[in-house]
Amino acid sequence: MQGRPAGTIDEAQPRGRWALALALLVGLAWAPAIGGDFVWDDINNLVNTDRLMYPDAFVQVFRHDAMWSAGKEQGPVATYRPLALASFVLDFQLYGRAAWGFHLSSVLLHLVVTLLFFTLLTRWVRDVRAAFGLALVWALHPTAAEAVAWINGRSEVLALLFGLCAALAVSRPRLGPLHYLAAWAGMTLALLGKETGGILVPVAVWLAGEADGRAGQGPPWRRIHWPMVGVGVLAILTYGYLRHQAITGGAIAGTGNAVQAIPALPAVWARALQAFLLPVERSVGHLHHWLVALPTAEAIAYGVAAALMFAVIAGAWWKGERVGAVALLWWLGSLVPVSLVVVKNWPGLYRWLYIGSPGLVLAAWRLALHRAPPRRVFVGLAVAGVLCLVQVQRTIATWRTDGSLWMAMVEEQPDEPYGYIGLGRYLLQNGDRELAHTVLQKAIDLGPQRPEPYFLQAALYTEIGRCHDAWKVVAGHVKLEAIPPDLLGRVARCYDLTGNREAALYHYGLCAATFPPCAVRLAAIQQGDPVGAP
C-alpha cells in the first residue's frame, strides 16, 4: 500500500488564515504598481494599435503569432503567446485604454499565483509557517517586477499560474480522471502563456510519481508515472497543433541559436542566481555585452560552478531527496531560454526568473533550510521579506513610466546602448530635443548593433531643419534598403520645407514606391508645386 510521500504535511492542516494574511501583505506591497503607465513594448502592443480593443480579438489571438497584436508581420522566429493577448482583450473591454486597469489585472493575477505557490509549498514542506514565509519572500521579490509591474510581462505570470495548477492537481497520493484533466489543461495553458511554461510539464510528471510513492520504488521503468507522461505528451501535442495552425513556419523563439547558447548557459545560471540573491538592479537586464566580454577564467569558473550544481542534484537524488533535485532542475531548466536570447543581443533577464524561481525556493528548503533551527529560518525569512519589500517598492517606481525605466537602465548599465536608445526615444517624444540629442549620441558612440539610435537621431535632425545631418547619420551607418520609408519621407520633407528642390525630389524618389505620401508629394513637385510650402 502506498502512503503519503515523506516531507509533506497533512492537507487537512488549516491554511485559511495564513493564506488570507499572505494575500493582504502581497496585495498591499504591489498596490503601487497599479499607478503605472504603459511602458516599453506596451506602446507597440496596446497603445499604437487597436487590434486588441474589440471582443472578437479574443478568438483572433489564438489564430495568429504574438506580433499580430502590434500590427506587424510574423518574423522568422515567431512567438505564440495567445493567453496574455486574450487577457488584454478582456482588459480593454473592462477598462478601455486606462493603464491602471491593466496593472490591476496583473497584480491580481500575481496574487493568485502567490496563493497557488503557497498551496503547493504546503504539499511539499512540513511546516505551514515555513510555507508562508517562503511564499511571501518569493511574492515580494523585486525581480518579479518585470513580470508584474510591466503589463507585457503578463505572459510569465499566466504561464506560471497554470503550470502551478497542473503541479497542484497531481501532488496527491491518488489521481482520478478530473486530476488528469486538470493537469492536461494546466500544462496546455502554461504553454499558451509562454513557451517557457513547458518546464512545468516534466515537473508535474515527476511530482505525480513522487506524490503516489512510485518515484522511490522498483526498477527505473516503474518509477515513472506513465499516465502523467501521456497527459504531458497530450498537452504538448495540443499546444503544438494550435501553434501550427496559427504560425506559418517560424521556429520557436531562440531555438536557432542553440549551438551558440549552450556554452553560455553556465554564465547565465550564475548571473541569474546572483540576480535573485542580490536583487539590486531595478530596470531591464541586458546580458549580451557582459557575456561577450567575459574573461576566460571567469567563464571556466562558471562552468565549474554549474558542474558542482549538478553534483548537488545527483547527490540529493541518490539520498532520496528527489523533490529538491527536481525543484533545482526546474530553476535551471527555466533559464535555458535566457541563453538563447542573450546570444542574439535581446534584452531581458528578470522576467525569466519568475517561472523558475519557485523551483529555486522549494529546492532551498528541501536541500538546506529545513535542517536549520526553525527560529533562525523564520528570522532569516523575516529579514529577507523586509529587504524585498523595500527594494520592490523602488523597482515598482522604476517601472512606472518609460522615462524612469530607461533612466534607471542608463544608471545601472552605462555601457549598454539599449538604455540610451529607450531614453532618447522617450525624450524625443516629450519634446526635449537637446537632451535627446545628447543621449542618442551616447548610444551611437557605444557602437550599437541595432540601427534605432541612427533613425532616432535622424528624425530629431529633421525636426530642427538639419536635413544634411539627418541624411548623413543614417546613410553613413545603415544600408539604404534598411532605412524605414517613413524616415526617408521625413528627410525628403525636411529638404522640401527648407527649399532644396533637388534634394527633395531625390529623397521623395527613394521612398515613393513604398510610402504613398512620398509618391503624392513627388508628383506634386514634378507638376509644378513649389518646394518650401508643401
Protein backbone atom coordinates (compact mmCIF):
# COMPACT_ATOMS: atom_id res chain seq x y z
CA MET A 1 0.00 0.00 0.00
CA GLN A 2 1.37 3.40 -0.97
CA GLY A 3 1.40 6.09 1.70
CA ARG A 4 1.99 9.80 1.73
CA PRO A 5 5.40 10.92 0.43
CA ALA A 6 7.95 11.86 3.02
CA GLY A 7 8.24 15.55 3.76
CA THR A 8 4.67 16.63 3.08
CA ILE A 9 2.12 17.93 5.56
CA ASP A 10 -1.45 16.85 6.04
CA GLU A 11 -3.69 18.56 3.51
CA ALA A 12 -6.28 18.94 6.25
CA GLN A 13 -3.97 21.26 8.20
CA PRO A 14 -5.69 24.67 8.36
CA ARG A 15 -4.23 27.15 5.91
CA GLY A 16 -7.02 29.71 5.54
CA ARG A 17 -5.69 32.32 7.95
CA TRP A 18 -2.18 32.01 6.58
CA ALA A 19 -3.46 32.37 3.02
CA LEU A 20 -5.53 35.44 3.97
CA ALA A 21 -2.55 37.10 5.66
CA LEU A 22 -0.39 36.31 2.64
CA ALA A 23 -2.95 37.81 0.25
CA LEU A 24 -3.25 41.01 2.28
CA LEU A 25 0.51 41.54 2.59
CA VAL A 26 1.23 40.81 -1.06
CA GLY A 27 -1.70 42.90 -2.28
CA LEU A 28 -0.60 45.93 -0.23
CA ALA A 29 3.01 45.56 -1.35
CA TRP A 30 2.14 45.50 -5.05
CA ALA A 31 -0.68 48.07 -4.94
CA PRO A 32 1.65 50.93 -6.08
CA ALA A 33 2.12 49.11 -9.41
CA ILE A 34 -1.50 49.92 -10.27
CA GLY A 35 -0.50 53.56 -10.79
CA GLY A 36 1.97 52.73 -13.54
CA ASP A 37 1.70 53.74 -17.19
CA PHE A 38 2.15 51.83 -20.45
CA VAL A 39 5.91 51.34 -20.91
CA TRP A 40 8.37 49.70 -23.30
CA ASP A 41 6.65 47.22 -25.64
CA ASP A 42 3.24 48.12 -24.19
CA ILE A 43 3.36 51.10 -26.54
CA ASN A 44 3.51 48.88 -29.66
CA ASN A 45 1.07 46.22 -28.47
CA LEU A 46 -1.53 48.23 -26.57
CA VAL A 47 -1.24 51.94 -27.39
CA ASN A 48 -0.25 52.32 -31.04
CA THR A 49 -2.65 49.65 -32.29
CA ASP A 50 -6.34 48.92 -31.80
CA ARG A 51 -6.31 45.22 -32.71
CA LEU A 52 -6.97 44.05 -29.16
CA MET A 53 -9.74 46.54 -28.44
CA TYR A 54 -12.58 44.51 -29.97
CA PRO A 55 -14.22 41.41 -28.43
CA ASP A 56 -13.62 39.20 -31.49
CA ALA A 57 -9.87 39.61 -30.94
CA PHE A 58 -10.27 37.17 -28.02
CA VAL A 59 -10.52 34.42 -30.63
CA GLN A 60 -8.23 36.03 -33.20
CA VAL A 61 -5.20 35.98 -30.90
CA PHE A 62 -5.29 32.17 -30.92
CA ARG A 63 -5.05 32.24 -34.73
CA HIS A 64 -2.01 34.49 -35.06
CA ASP A 65 1.51 34.91 -33.74
CA ALA A 66 2.14 37.39 -30.94
CA MET A 67 3.32 40.17 -33.28
CA TRP A 68 -0.16 40.32 -34.84
CA SER A 69 -1.30 42.37 -31.86
CA ALA A 70 1.15 45.14 -32.80
CA GLY A 71 0.13 45.08 -36.45
CA LYS A 72 3.50 43.68 -37.52
CA GLU A 73 4.36 40.78 -39.78
CA GLN A 74 5.43 37.46 -38.34
CA GLY A 75 9.19 37.23 -38.07
CA PRO A 76 11.37 34.22 -38.96
CA VAL A 77 11.47 33.43 -35.22
CA ALA A 78 7.86 33.54 -34.10
CA THR A 79 6.34 33.76 -30.64
CA TYR A 80 2.92 32.32 -29.87
CA ARG A 81 1.51 33.62 -26.56
CA PRO A 82 -2.23 33.97 -27.07
CA LEU A 83 -3.23 33.71 -23.44
CA ALA A 84 -1.72 37.05 -22.43
CA LEU A 85 -3.14 38.73 -25.52
CA ALA A 86 -6.58 37.30 -24.77
CA SER A 87 -6.35 38.73 -21.25
CA PHE A 88 -5.54 42.13 -22.74
CA VAL A 89 -8.69 41.88 -24.86
CA LEU A 90 -10.69 41.40 -21.67
CA ASP A 91 -8.89 44.33 -20.06
CA PHE A 92 -9.82 46.58 -22.97
CA GLN A 93 -13.47 45.62 -22.50
CA LEU A 94 -13.28 46.40 -18.79
CA TYR A 95 -11.01 49.45 -18.66
CA GLY A 96 -10.68 50.86 -22.17
CA ARG A 97 -7.21 52.34 -22.56
CA ALA A 98 -6.77 53.07 -18.85
CA ALA A 99 -3.34 51.71 -17.89
CA TRP A 100 -4.33 51.32 -14.22
CA GLY A 101 -6.86 48.62 -15.15
CA PHE A 102 -4.27 46.53 -16.96
CA HIS A 103 -1.93 46.87 -13.99
CA LEU A 104 -4.73 45.92 -11.60
CA SER A 105 -5.30 42.70 -13.56
CA SER A 106 -1.58 41.87 -13.46
CA VAL A 107 -1.38 42.44 -9.70
CA LEU A 108 -4.46 40.28 -9.08
CA LEU A 109 -3.01 37.50 -11.22
CA HIS A 110 0.26 37.67 -9.27
CA LEU A 111 -1.77 37.41 -6.09
CA VAL A 112 -3.46 34.25 -7.37
CA VAL A 113 -0.08 32.78 -8.37
CA THR A 114 1.24 33.52 -4.88
CA LEU A 115 -1.64 31.64 -3.23
CA LEU A 116 -1.17 28.71 -5.61
CA PHE A 117 2.55 28.59 -4.81
CA PHE A 118 1.77 28.72 -1.08
CA THR A 119 -0.63 25.80 -1.52
CA LEU A 120 1.98 23.82 -3.48
CA LEU A 121 4.55 24.50 -0.76
CA THR A 122 2.20 23.16 1.89
CA ARG A 123 2.09 19.91 -0.06
CA TRP A 124 5.88 19.54 -0.04
CA VAL A 125 7.00 21.39 3.11
CA ARG A 126 6.42 20.08 6.64
CA ASP A 127 5.69 23.41 8.31
CA VAL A 128 2.85 25.67 7.12
CA ARG A 129 4.65 28.62 8.72
CA ALA A 130 7.71 27.93 6.60
CA ALA A 131 5.49 27.64 3.52
CA PHE A 132 4.03 31.05 4.37
CA GLY A 133 7.46 32.65 4.79
CA LEU A 134 8.88 31.15 1.62
CA ALA A 135 5.83 32.17 -0.44
CA LEU A 136 5.93 35.70 1.00
CA VAL A 137 9.59 36.24 0.18
CA TRP A 138 9.02 34.91 -3.33
CA ALA A 139 5.93 37.08 -3.88
CA LEU A 140 7.70 40.26 -2.71
CA HIS A 141 10.90 39.58 -4.62
CA PRO A 142 11.86 42.64 -6.72
CA THR A 143 12.88 40.59 -9.76
CA ALA A 144 9.16 39.84 -10.20
CA ALA A 145 8.54 43.50 -11.14
CA GLU A 146 9.37 42.92 -14.80
CA ALA A 147 6.63 40.28 -14.96
CA VAL A 148 4.09 42.01 -12.69
CA ALA A 149 4.64 45.78 -12.95
CA TRP A 150 5.19 45.66 -16.72
CA ILE A 151 1.92 44.89 -18.49
CA ASN A 152 3.54 42.95 -21.34
CA GLY A 153 5.30 40.75 -18.80
CA ARG A 154 1.98 39.10 -18.00
CA SER A 155 2.76 36.07 -20.17
CA GLU A 156 5.18 34.93 -17.44
CA VAL A 157 2.51 35.26 -14.76
CA LEU A 158 -0.09 33.32 -16.73
CA ALA A 159 2.36 30.56 -17.66
CA LEU A 160 3.32 30.05 -14.02
CA LEU A 161 -0.28 30.30 -12.85
CA PHE A 162 -1.46 27.41 -14.97
CA GLY A 163 1.76 25.45 -14.52
CA LEU A 164 1.24 25.57 -10.76
CA CYS A 165 -2.36 24.45 -11.27
CA ALA A 166 -1.05 21.37 -13.06
CA ALA A 167 1.55 20.70 -10.35
CA LEU A 168 -1.10 21.05 -7.65
CA ALA A 169 -3.51 18.76 -9.44
CA VAL A 170 -1.01 15.90 -9.36
CA SER A 171 0.59 16.50 -5.94
CA ARG A 172 -1.63 13.95 -4.18
CA PRO A 173 -1.36 10.23 -3.43
CA ARG A 174 -4.17 9.15 -5.77
CA LEU A 175 -5.22 10.64 -9.08
CA GLY A 176 -8.59 10.36 -10.76
CA PRO A 177 -9.91 11.43 -14.17
CA LEU A 178 -10.57 15.01 -13.03
CA HIS A 179 -6.99 15.35 -11.79
CA TYR A 180 -5.61 14.17 -15.12
CA LEU A 181 -7.95 16.56 -16.95
CA ALA A 182 -6.85 19.45 -14.73
CA ALA A 183 -3.19 18.55 -15.29
CA TRP A 184 -3.66 18.46 -19.09
CA ALA A 185 -5.47 21.81 -19.07
CA GLY A 186 -2.87 23.40 -16.78
CA MET A 187 0.07 22.21 -18.87
CA THR A 188 -1.54 23.28 -22.13
CA LEU A 189 -2.46 26.72 -20.82
CA ALA A 190 1.01 27.17 -19.31
CA LEU A 191 2.49 26.64 -22.78
CA LEU A 192 -0.07 29.01 -24.29
CA GLY A 193 1.00 31.60 -21.72
CA LYS A 194 4.64 31.37 -22.78
CA GLU A 195 6.88 28.74 -24.32
CA THR A 196 8.91 28.61 -21.09
CA GLY A 197 5.84 27.27 -19.33
CA GLY A 198 6.80 23.92 -20.84
CA ILE A 199 9.27 23.43 -17.98
CA LEU A 200 6.26 22.70 -15.74
CA VAL A 201 5.38 19.62 -17.81
CA PRO A 202 8.27 17.38 -16.60
CA VAL A 203 7.99 18.94 -13.14
CA ALA A 204 4.34 17.91 -12.88
CA VAL A 205 5.09 14.44 -14.24
CA TRP A 206 7.73 13.79 -11.62
CA LEU A 207 5.76 15.31 -8.74
CA ALA A 208 2.91 12.95 -9.60
CA GLY A 209 5.24 9.96 -9.21
CA GLU A 210 6.73 11.35 -6.01
CA ALA A 211 3.30 12.02 -4.52
CA ASP A 212 1.99 8.48 -5.03
CA GLY A 213 5.26 6.87 -4.00
CA ARG A 214 6.29 5.17 -7.24
CA ALA A 215 9.21 7.57 -7.85
CA GLY A 216 11.09 5.91 -5.00
CA GLN A 217 10.23 2.28 -5.64
CA GLY A 218 11.01 -0.50 -8.08
CA PRO A 219 13.18 -0.61 -11.20
CA PRO A 220 13.69 2.63 -13.19
CA TRP A 221 10.90 1.98 -15.69
CA ARG A 222 8.38 1.55 -12.87
CA ARG A 223 9.38 4.80 -11.15
CA ILE A 224 7.93 6.87 -13.96
CA HIS A 225 4.30 7.93 -13.71
CA TRP A 226 3.37 6.76 -17.20
CA PRO A 227 -0.23 8.04 -17.16
CA MET A 228 1.11 11.52 -16.39
CA VAL A 229 3.70 11.14 -19.14
CA GLY A 230 0.80 10.53 -21.51
CA VAL A 231 -1.02 13.59 -20.18
CA GLY A 232 2.11 15.70 -20.66
CA VAL A 233 2.62 14.48 -24.21
CA LEU A 234 -1.03 15.22 -24.98
CA ALA A 235 -0.62 18.76 -23.62
CA ILE A 236 2.45 19.34 -25.79
CA LEU A 237 0.67 17.97 -28.85
CA THR A 238 -2.35 20.19 -28.17
CA TYR A 239 -0.13 23.25 -27.91
CA GLY A 240 1.82 22.20 -30.99
CA TYR A 241 -1.35 21.82 -33.03
CA LEU A 242 -2.65 25.27 -32.03
CA ARG A 243 0.73 26.83 -32.71
CA HIS A 244 1.00 25.16 -36.11
CA GLN A 245 -2.46 26.42 -37.08
CA ALA A 246 -1.55 29.98 -36.08
CA ILE A 247 2.03 30.26 -37.29
CA THR A 248 3.22 29.54 -40.81
CA GLY A 249 6.76 28.34 -40.36
CA GLY A 250 8.84 30.20 -37.85
CA ALA A 251 10.86 28.30 -35.29
CA ILE A 252 10.17 28.58 -31.58
CA ALA A 253 11.82 31.77 -30.38
CA GLY A 254 15.56 31.43 -29.95
CA THR A 255 15.98 27.78 -30.94
CA GLY A 256 18.07 28.72 -33.97
CA ASN A 257 20.76 29.96 -31.57
CA ALA A 258 21.08 26.69 -29.64
CA VAL A 259 24.65 25.91 -30.73
CA GLN A 260 25.96 29.29 -29.57
CA ALA A 261 23.73 29.35 -26.49
CA ILE A 262 24.82 26.09 -24.85
CA PRO A 263 28.30 27.37 -23.85
CA ALA A 264 26.64 30.47 -22.39
CA LEU A 265 24.40 28.51 -20.01
CA PRO A 266 26.76 28.27 -17.00
CA ALA A 267 27.35 32.02 -17.02
CA VAL A 268 23.61 32.70 -17.39
CA TRP A 269 22.80 30.38 -14.48
CA ALA A 270 25.38 32.12 -12.29
CA ARG A 271 24.17 35.61 -13.24
CA ALA A 272 20.54 34.63 -12.64
CA LEU A 273 21.35 33.22 -9.21
CA GLN A 274 23.23 36.40 -8.36
CA ALA A 275 20.28 38.49 -9.52
CA PHE A 276 17.88 36.51 -7.32
CA LEU A 277 20.07 36.51 -4.21
CA LEU A 278 21.18 40.16 -4.62
CA PRO A 279 18.30 41.89 -6.44
CA VAL A 280 19.81 45.37 -6.58
CA GLU A 281 19.10 46.28 -10.21
CA ARG A 282 15.66 47.76 -10.95
CA SER A 283 15.43 48.11 -14.73
CA VAL A 284 15.76 45.92 -17.83
CA GLY A 285 18.55 43.37 -17.62
CA HIS A 286 20.75 43.14 -20.71
CA LEU A 287 23.45 40.46 -20.59
CA HIS A 288 24.88 40.39 -24.12
CA HIS A 289 27.78 42.79 -23.66
CA TRP A 290 28.59 41.24 -20.29
CA LEU A 291 28.64 37.78 -21.82
CA VAL A 292 30.80 38.55 -24.87
CA ALA A 293 33.32 40.40 -22.68
CA LEU A 294 33.50 37.60 -20.10
CA PRO A 295 37.14 36.69 -19.26
CA THR A 296 38.06 33.09 -20.00
CA ALA A 297 38.96 32.37 -16.37
CA GLU A 298 35.59 33.63 -15.19
CA ALA A 299 33.77 31.57 -17.81
CA ILE A 300 35.66 28.46 -16.65
CA ALA A 301 34.71 29.25 -13.04
CA TYR A 302 31.05 29.41 -14.02
CA GLY A 303 31.40 26.06 -15.77
CA VAL A 304 32.88 24.53 -12.62
CA ALA A 305 30.06 26.03 -10.55
CA ALA A 306 27.50 24.52 -12.92
CA ALA A 307 29.17 21.11 -12.58
CA LEU A 308 29.01 21.42 -8.79
CA MET A 309 25.32 22.32 -9.07
CA PHE A 310 24.61 19.12 -10.99
CA ALA A 311 26.67 17.20 -8.45
CA VAL A 312 24.38 18.57 -5.73
CA ILE A 313 21.36 17.46 -7.76
CA ALA A 314 22.82 13.97 -8.25
CA GLY A 315 23.69 13.71 -4.56
CA ALA A 316 20.23 14.77 -3.49
CA TRP A 317 18.68 12.26 -5.87
CA TRP A 318 20.91 9.48 -4.57
CA LYS A 319 19.92 10.26 -0.98
CA GLY A 320 16.22 10.17 -1.85
CA GLU A 321 15.60 13.94 -1.85
CA ARG A 322 14.07 13.85 -5.31
CA VAL A 323 11.68 16.78 -4.79
CA GLY A 324 14.60 19.09 -4.03
CA ALA A 325 16.53 17.76 -7.02
CA VAL A 326 13.58 18.22 -9.38
CA ALA A 327 12.92 21.70 -7.97
CA LEU A 328 16.52 22.72 -8.69
CA LEU A 329 16.23 21.32 -12.21
CA TRP A 330 13.02 23.36 -12.56
CA TRP A 331 15.02 26.52 -11.83
CA LEU A 332 17.89 25.63 -14.16
CA GLY A 333 15.62 24.47 -16.99
CA SER A 334 13.53 27.63 -16.90
CA LEU A 335 16.66 29.70 -17.59
CA VAL A 336 17.72 27.85 -20.73
CA PRO A 337 15.76 30.30 -22.95
CA VAL A 338 17.71 33.21 -21.45
CA SER A 339 20.92 31.97 -23.03
CA LEU A 340 19.07 31.62 -26.34
CA VAL A 341 18.13 35.30 -26.36
CA VAL A 342 21.36 36.60 -24.81
CA VAL A 343 23.45 35.43 -27.74
CA LYS A 344 21.08 37.33 -30.06
CA ASN A 345 21.59 40.55 -28.09
CA TRP A 346 17.97 40.70 -26.92
CA PRO A 347 17.19 42.42 -23.61
CA GLY A 348 15.58 40.82 -20.60
CA LEU A 349 16.67 38.73 -17.62
CA TYR A 350 14.50 39.30 -14.58
CA ARG A 351 11.15 38.34 -16.12
CA TRP A 352 12.66 34.93 -16.96
CA LEU A 353 13.25 34.33 -13.24
CA TYR A 354 9.53 34.47 -12.49
CA ILE A 355 8.67 30.98 -13.78
CA GLY A 356 11.75 29.27 -12.37
CA SER A 357 12.25 30.98 -9.00
CA PRO A 358 9.51 28.93 -7.23
CA GLY A 359 11.66 25.90 -8.00
CA LEU A 360 14.70 27.60 -6.50
CA VAL A 361 12.76 28.49 -3.36
CA LEU A 362 11.42 24.95 -2.96
CA ALA A 363 14.88 23.49 -3.60
CA ALA A 364 16.44 25.79 -1.00
CA TRP A 365 14.03 24.50 1.63
CA ARG A 366 14.23 20.81 0.72
CA LEU A 367 18.02 20.73 0.30
CA ALA A 368 19.18 23.08 3.06
CA LEU A 369 16.86 25.31 5.05
CA HIS A 370 14.77 22.59 6.69
CA ARG A 371 17.89 21.39 8.51
CA ALA A 372 18.45 24.77 10.21
CA PRO A 373 16.86 25.62 13.58
CA PRO A 374 13.29 26.85 12.96
CA ARG A 375 13.81 30.12 14.79
CA ARG A 376 16.82 31.03 12.65
CA VAL A 377 14.90 30.14 9.50
CA PHE A 378 11.94 32.32 10.41
CA VAL A 379 14.17 35.24 11.43
CA GLY A 380 16.05 34.89 8.15
CA LEU A 381 12.83 34.79 6.13
CA ALA A 382 11.51 37.83 8.01
CA VAL A 383 14.67 39.83 7.27
CA ALA A 384 14.61 38.73 3.63
CA GLY A 385 10.95 39.71 3.40
CA VAL A 386 11.59 43.21 4.72
CA LEU A 387 14.54 43.74 2.38
CA CYS A 388 12.48 42.53 -0.57
CA LEU A 389 9.61 44.80 0.41
CA VAL A 390 11.88 47.85 0.42
CA GLN A 391 13.56 47.02 -2.87
CA VAL A 392 10.36 46.03 -4.65
CA GLN A 393 8.91 49.49 -3.94
CA ARG A 394 11.96 51.07 -5.60
CA THR A 395 11.65 48.66 -8.53
CA ILE A 396 7.92 49.29 -8.98
CA ALA A 397 8.64 53.03 -9.10
CA THR A 398 11.26 52.39 -11.80
CA TRP A 399 8.66 50.66 -13.99
CA ARG A 400 6.12 53.46 -13.59
CA THR A 401 6.99 55.33 -16.83
CA ASP A 402 9.26 54.92 -19.83
CA GLY A 403 11.36 57.81 -18.57
CA SER A 404 12.01 56.28 -15.13
CA LEU A 405 12.66 52.84 -16.64
CA TRP A 406 15.27 53.95 -19.18
CA MET A 407 16.90 56.41 -16.82
CA ALA A 408 17.42 53.59 -14.31
CA MET A 409 18.89 51.37 -17.02
CA VAL A 410 21.32 54.09 -18.08
CA GLU A 411 22.41 54.48 -14.45
CA GLU A 412 22.78 50.74 -13.85
CA GLN A 413 24.26 49.75 -17.21
CA PRO A 414 26.12 52.84 -18.53
CA ASP A 415 27.99 50.82 -21.16
CA GLU A 416 24.85 49.29 -22.71
CA PRO A 417 23.39 51.27 -25.68
CA TYR A 418 19.87 49.87 -25.22
CA GLY A 419 19.02 52.10 -22.27
CA TYR A 420 20.20 55.23 -24.05
CA ILE A 421 18.09 54.32 -27.08
CA GLY A 422 14.95 53.94 -24.98
CA LEU A 423 15.63 57.13 -23.04
CA GLY A 424 16.39 59.05 -26.23
CA ARG A 425 13.11 57.93 -27.79
CA TYR A 426 11.20 58.95 -24.65
CA LEU A 427 12.84 62.39 -24.56
CA LEU A 428 12.21 62.94 -28.25
CA GLN A 429 8.54 62.06 -27.87
CA ASN A 430 8.27 64.50 -24.98
CA GLY A 431 9.91 67.38 -26.86
CA ASP A 432 13.25 67.53 -25.02
CA ARG A 433 15.34 67.65 -28.19
CA GLU A 434 18.55 68.93 -26.65
CA LEU A 435 18.83 66.18 -24.05
CA ALA A 436 17.55 63.60 -26.55
CA HIS A 437 20.40 64.55 -28.91
CA THR A 438 22.98 64.06 -26.15
CA VAL A 439 21.53 60.71 -25.07
CA LEU A 440 21.24 59.35 -28.60
CA GLN A 441 24.77 60.45 -29.42
CA LYS A 442 25.96 58.47 -26.40
CA ALA A 443 24.14 55.40 -27.74
CA ILE A 444 25.83 55.88 -31.13
CA ASP A 445 29.25 56.33 -29.51
CA LEU A 446 28.83 52.97 -27.74
CA GLY A 447 28.55 51.23 -31.13
CA PRO A 448 25.04 49.79 -31.09
CA GLN A 449 24.30 46.63 -33.04
CA ARG A 450 20.80 47.91 -33.81
CA PRO A 451 20.07 50.89 -36.11
CA GLU A 452 17.46 52.55 -33.87
CA PRO A 453 19.70 55.33 -32.49
CA TYR A 454 20.65 56.39 -36.01
CA PHE A 455 16.98 56.52 -37.00
CA LEU A 456 16.01 58.49 -33.91
CA GLN A 457 18.89 60.95 -34.27
CA ALA A 458 17.99 61.47 -37.93
CA ALA A 459 14.35 62.08 -37.00
CA LEU A 460 15.50 64.66 -34.46
CA TYR A 461 17.61 66.45 -37.07
CA THR A 462 14.68 66.63 -39.47
CA GLU A 463 12.61 68.36 -36.78
CA ILE A 464 15.15 71.17 -36.44
CA GLY A 465 15.88 71.54 -40.17
CA ARG A 466 19.32 69.87 -40.21
CA CYS A 467 18.50 67.82 -43.29
CA HIS A 468 22.07 67.06 -44.38
CA ASP A 469 22.95 65.82 -40.88
CA ALA A 470 19.83 63.67 -40.84
CA TRP A 471 20.75 62.02 -44.12
CA LYS A 472 24.40 61.64 -43.12
CA VAL A 473 23.63 59.87 -39.84
CA VAL A 474 21.52 57.16 -41.50
CA ALA A 475 23.24 56.84 -44.90
CA GLY A 476 26.61 56.58 -43.20
CA HIS A 477 25.63 53.68 -40.94
CA VAL A 478 22.63 51.86 -42.42
CA LYS A 479 22.05 50.28 -45.81
CA LEU A 480 19.51 52.15 -47.93
CA GLU A 481 17.09 49.22 -48.08
CA ALA A 482 17.07 49.03 -44.26
CA ILE A 483 16.04 52.67 -43.75
CA PRO A 484 12.32 52.90 -42.89
CA PRO A 485 10.31 54.52 -45.71
CA ASP A 486 8.66 56.97 -43.30
CA LEU A 487 12.11 58.18 -42.20
CA LEU A 488 13.09 58.68 -45.83
CA GLY A 489 9.89 60.67 -46.16
CA ARG A 490 10.84 62.82 -43.16
CA VAL A 491 14.24 63.58 -44.69
CA ALA A 492 12.60 64.44 -48.02
CA ARG A 493 10.07 66.68 -46.28
CA CYS A 494 12.92 68.40 -44.42
CA TYR A 495 14.59 69.30 -47.73
CA ASP A 496 11.18 70.26 -49.09
CA LEU A 497 10.48 72.66 -46.23
CA THR A 498 13.94 74.23 -46.46
CA GLY A 499 13.54 74.85 -50.21
CA ASN A 500 16.11 72.38 -51.54
CA ARG A 501 14.16 71.16 -54.58
CA GLU A 502 16.83 68.84 -55.98
CA ALA A 503 17.42 67.02 -52.70
CA ALA A 504 13.67 66.87 -52.02
CA LEU A 505 12.99 65.24 -55.39
CA TYR A 506 15.79 62.74 -54.86
CA HIS A 507 14.65 61.64 -51.41
CA TYR A 508 10.96 61.58 -52.31
CA GLY A 509 12.00 59.30 -55.15
CA LEU A 510 13.73 56.94 -52.71
CA CYS A 511 10.53 56.33 -50.73
CA ALA A 512 7.87 56.82 -53.43
CA ALA A 513 7.48 53.10 -54.15
CA THR A 514 6.96 52.08 -50.50
CA PHE A 515 5.49 55.16 -48.79
CA PRO A 516 2.42 56.69 -50.53
CA PRO A 517 2.85 60.24 -49.12
CA CYS A 518 6.23 60.38 -50.84
CA ALA A 519 4.72 59.43 -54.17
CA VAL A 520 1.97 62.05 -53.81
CA ARG A 521 4.36 64.85 -52.94
CA LEU A 522 6.88 63.80 -55.61
CA ALA A 523 4.17 64.00 -58.29
CA ALA A 524 3.03 67.40 -56.99
CA ILE A 525 6.53 68.90 -57.20
CA GLN A 526 7.09 67.43 -60.65
CA GLN A 527 3.83 69.04 -61.78
CA GLY A 528 4.97 72.47 -60.64
CA ASP A 529 4.20 72.83 -56.94
CA PRO A 530 6.95 74.91 -55.31
CA VAL A 531 9.13 73.49 -52.56
CA GLY A 532 9.25 75.24 -49.21
CA ALA A 533 5.48 75.19 -48.58
CA PRO A 534 4.10 71.65 -49.01
